[in-house]
C-alpha atoms as a PDB file:
ATOM      1  CA  UNK A   1       0.243   0.258  -0.057  1.00  0.00           C
ATOM      2  CA  UNK A   2       2.977   2.129   0.566  1.00  0.00           C
ATOM      3  CA  UNK A   3       3.946   2.406  -3.043  1.00  0.00           C
ATOM      4  CA  UNK A   4       0.422   3.165  -4.144  1.00  0.00           C
ATOM      5  CA  UNK A   5       0.506   6.404  -4.490  1.00  0.00           C
ATOM      6  CA  UNK A   6       3.468   6.230  -6.579  1.00  0.00           C
ATOM      7  CA  UNK A   7       1.969   4.091  -8.735  1.00  0.00           C
ATOM      8  CA  UNK A   8      -1.476   6.191  -9.003  1.00  0.00           C
ATOM      9  CA  UNK A   9       0.612   9.097  -9.604  1.00  0.00           C
ATOM     10  CA  UNK A  10       2.874   7.779 -12.844  1.00  0.00           C
ATOM     11  CA  UNK A  11      -0.503   6.691 -14.001  1.00  0.00           C
ATOM     12  CA  UNK A  12      -2.498   9.824 -13.475  1.00  0.00           C
ATOM     13  CA  UNK A  13       0.986  11.468 -15.121  1.00  0.00           C
ATOM     14  CA  UNK A  14       0.768   8.595 -18.199  1.00  0.00           C
ATOM     15  CA  UNK A  15      -2.449   9.593 -18.597  1.00  0.00           C
ATOM     16  CA  UNK A  16      -2.302  13.520 -18.874  1.00  0.00           C
ATOM     17  CA  UNK A  17      -3.840  14.132 -15.043  1.00  0.00           C
ATOM     18  CA  UNK A  18      -1.246  16.175 -14.183  1.00  0.00           C
ATOM     19  CA  UNK A  19      -2.786  17.488 -10.893  1.00  0.00           C
ATOM     20  CA  UNK A  20      -3.875  13.716  -9.892  1.00  0.00           C
ATOM     21  CA  UNK A  21      -0.528  12.630 -10.396  1.00  0.00           C
ATOM     22  CA  UNK A  22       1.067  15.971  -8.301  1.00  0.00           C
ATOM     23  CA  UNK A  23      -1.470  15.286  -5.402  1.00  0.00           C
ATOM     24  CA  UNK A  24      -0.541  11.196  -5.431  1.00  0.00           C
ATOM     25  CA  UNK A  25       3.439  11.627  -5.232  1.00  0.00           C
ATOM     26  CA  UNK A  26       2.717  14.577  -2.653  1.00  0.00           C
ATOM     27  CA  UNK A  27       1.234  12.526  -0.604  1.00  0.00           C
ATOM     28  CA  UNK A  28       4.252   9.527  -0.386  1.00  0.00           C
ATOM     29  CA  UNK A  29       6.365  12.474   0.192  1.00  0.00           C
ATOM     30  CA  UNK A  30       4.416  14.050   3.065  1.00  0.00           C
ATOM     31  CA  UNK A  31       4.739  10.313   4.520  1.00  0.00           C
ATOM     32  CA  UNK A  32       8.814  10.701   3.800  1.00  0.00           C
ATOM     33  CA  UNK A  33       9.739  13.712   2.886  1.00  0.00           C
ATOM     34  CA  UNK A  34      13.436  11.996   2.115  1.00  0.00           C
ATOM     35  CA  UNK A  35      11.543   9.782  -0.352  1.00  0.00           C
ATOM     36  CA  UNK A  36      14.476  10.941  -3.426  1.00  0.00           C
ATOM     37  CA  UNK A  37      11.553   8.979  -5.639  1.00  0.00           C
ATOM     38  CA  UNK A  38       8.779  11.139  -4.346  1.00  0.00           C
ATOM     39  CA  UNK A  39      10.605  14.260  -5.059  1.00  0.00           C
ATOM     40  CA  UNK A  40      11.913  12.968  -8.540  1.00  0.00           C
ATOM     41  CA  UNK A  41       8.206  12.734  -9.948  1.00  0.00           C
ATOM     42  CA  UNK A  42       6.877  15.883  -8.198  1.00  0.00           C
ATOM     43  CA  UNK A  43       9.697  17.774 -10.021  1.00  0.00           C
ATOM     44  CA  UNK A  44       8.467  15.696 -13.698  1.00  0.00           C
ATOM     45  CA  UNK A  45       5.167  17.180 -12.980  1.00  0.00           C
ATOM     46  CA  UNK A  46       6.240  20.541 -12.054  1.00  0.00           C
ATOM     47  CA  UNK A  47       7.817  20.173 -15.610  1.00  0.00           C
ATOM     48  CA  UNK A  48       5.677  19.290 -16.891  1.00  0.00           C
ATOM     49  CA  UNK A  49       3.303  22.335 -16.171  1.00  0.00           C
ATOM     50  CA  UNK A  50       5.754  24.594 -17.135  1.00  0.00           C
ATOM     51  CA  UNK A  51       6.856  25.408 -13.856  1.00  0.00           C
ATOM     52  CA  UNK A  52      10.963  24.625 -14.620  1.00  0.00           C
ATOM     53  CA  UNK A  53      12.629  26.589 -12.654  1.00  0.00           C
ATOM     54  CA  UNK A  54      10.824  24.676  -9.530  1.00  0.00           C
ATOM     55  CA  UNK A  55      11.143  21.888 -11.207  1.00  0.00           C
ATOM     56  CA  UNK A  56      14.821  22.153 -11.475  1.00  0.00           C
ATOM     57  CA  UNK A  57      15.036  22.783  -7.598  1.00  0.00           C
ATOM     58  CA  UNK A  58      13.649  19.413  -6.604  1.00  0.00           C
ATOM     59  CA  UNK A  59      15.411  17.384  -9.393  1.00  0.00           C
ATOM     60  CA  UNK A  60      18.327  18.061  -7.734  1.00  0.00           C
ATOM     61  CA  UNK A  61      17.062  17.800  -4.361  1.00  0.00           C
ATOM     62  CA  UNK A  62      16.301  14.477  -5.179  1.00  0.00           C
ATOM     63  CA  UNK A  63      19.280  13.010  -7.272  1.00  0.00           C
ATOM     64  CA  UNK A  64      21.331  13.877  -3.972  1.00  0.00           C
ATOM     65  CA  UNK A  65      19.213  11.161  -2.613  1.00  0.00           C
ATOM     66  CA  UNK A  66      20.702   8.441  -4.713  1.00  0.00           C
ATOM     67  CA  UNK A  67      17.654   7.199  -4.745  1.00  0.00           C
ATOM     68  CA  UNK A  68      16.724   7.712  -9.208  1.00  0.00           C
ATOM     69  CA  UNK A  69      19.351   6.903 -11.259  1.00  0.00           C
ATOM     70  CA  UNK A  70      20.297   7.876 -15.180  1.00  0.00           C
ATOM     71  CA  UNK A  71      18.311   4.236 -16.374  1.00  0.00           C
ATOM     72  CA  UNK A  72      15.723   4.910 -14.091  1.00  0.00           C
ATOM     73  CA  UNK A  73      15.410   8.551 -15.888  1.00  0.00           C
ATOM     74  CA  UNK A  74      15.761   7.218 -19.681  1.00  0.00           C
ATOM     75  CA  UNK A  75      12.928   4.249 -19.491  1.00  0.00           C
ATOM     76  CA  UNK A  76      10.483   6.885 -19.603  1.00  0.00           C
ATOM     77  CA  UNK A  77      10.609   8.300 -23.193  1.00  0.00           C
ATOM     78  CA  UNK A  78       8.052  11.332 -21.958  1.00  0.00           C
ATOM     79  CA  UNK A  79      11.618  12.202 -19.805  1.00  0.00           C
ATOM     80  CA  UNK A  80      13.038  12.840 -23.439  1.00  0.00           C
ATOM     81  CA  UNK A  81      11.703  16.451 -22.499  1.00  0.00           C
ATOM     82  CA  UNK A  82      13.837  17.851 -19.519  1.00  0.00           C
ATOM     83  CA  UNK A  83      16.885  15.725 -20.365  1.00  0.00           C
ATOM     84  CA  UNK A  84      17.703  17.463 -23.228  1.00  0.00           C
ATOM     85  CA  UNK A  85      16.338  20.805 -22.155  1.00  0.00           C
ATOM     86  CA  UNK A  86      19.793  22.539 -21.726  1.00  0.00           C
ATOM     87  CA  UNK A  87      18.099  23.883 -18.310  1.00  0.00           C
ATOM     88  CA  UNK A  88      18.389  20.544 -17.184  1.00  0.00           C
ATOM     89  CA  UNK A  89      22.502  20.130 -18.159  1.00  0.00           C
ATOM     90  CA  UNK A  90      23.852  21.464 -15.215  1.00  0.00           C
ATOM     91  CA  UNK A  91      22.441  18.546 -13.567  1.00  0.00           C
ATOM     92  CA  UNK A  92      23.282  15.850 -15.476  1.00  0.00           C
ATOM     93  CA  UNK A  93      26.502  17.249 -15.446  1.00  0.00           C
ATOM     94  CA  UNK A  94      26.365  17.333 -11.455  1.00  0.00           C
ATOM     95  CA  UNK A  95      24.875  13.643 -11.111  1.00  0.00           C
ATOM     96  CA  UNK A  96      25.216  11.351 -13.830  1.00  0.00           C
END
């Protein structure tokens, strides 16, 4: 049950329901504010809703936990948008 919000958030994000996705990821994060996967997924939603600066700050925080790897990011083609974004390049250089 613990992972349910992460799974449901991913389903919502893939279905384009970004607000619902963010709410799921945030619920999980509120139960464990050190969880880098929750932070990463919240950052993805922020990025896909045009909140790039907020997303980059949260991506940075999530990558510091070492809970998200390059292969995790590359698994989902949706992530190519931020992976290739020039604003994301400093984080790629720093962590990957």
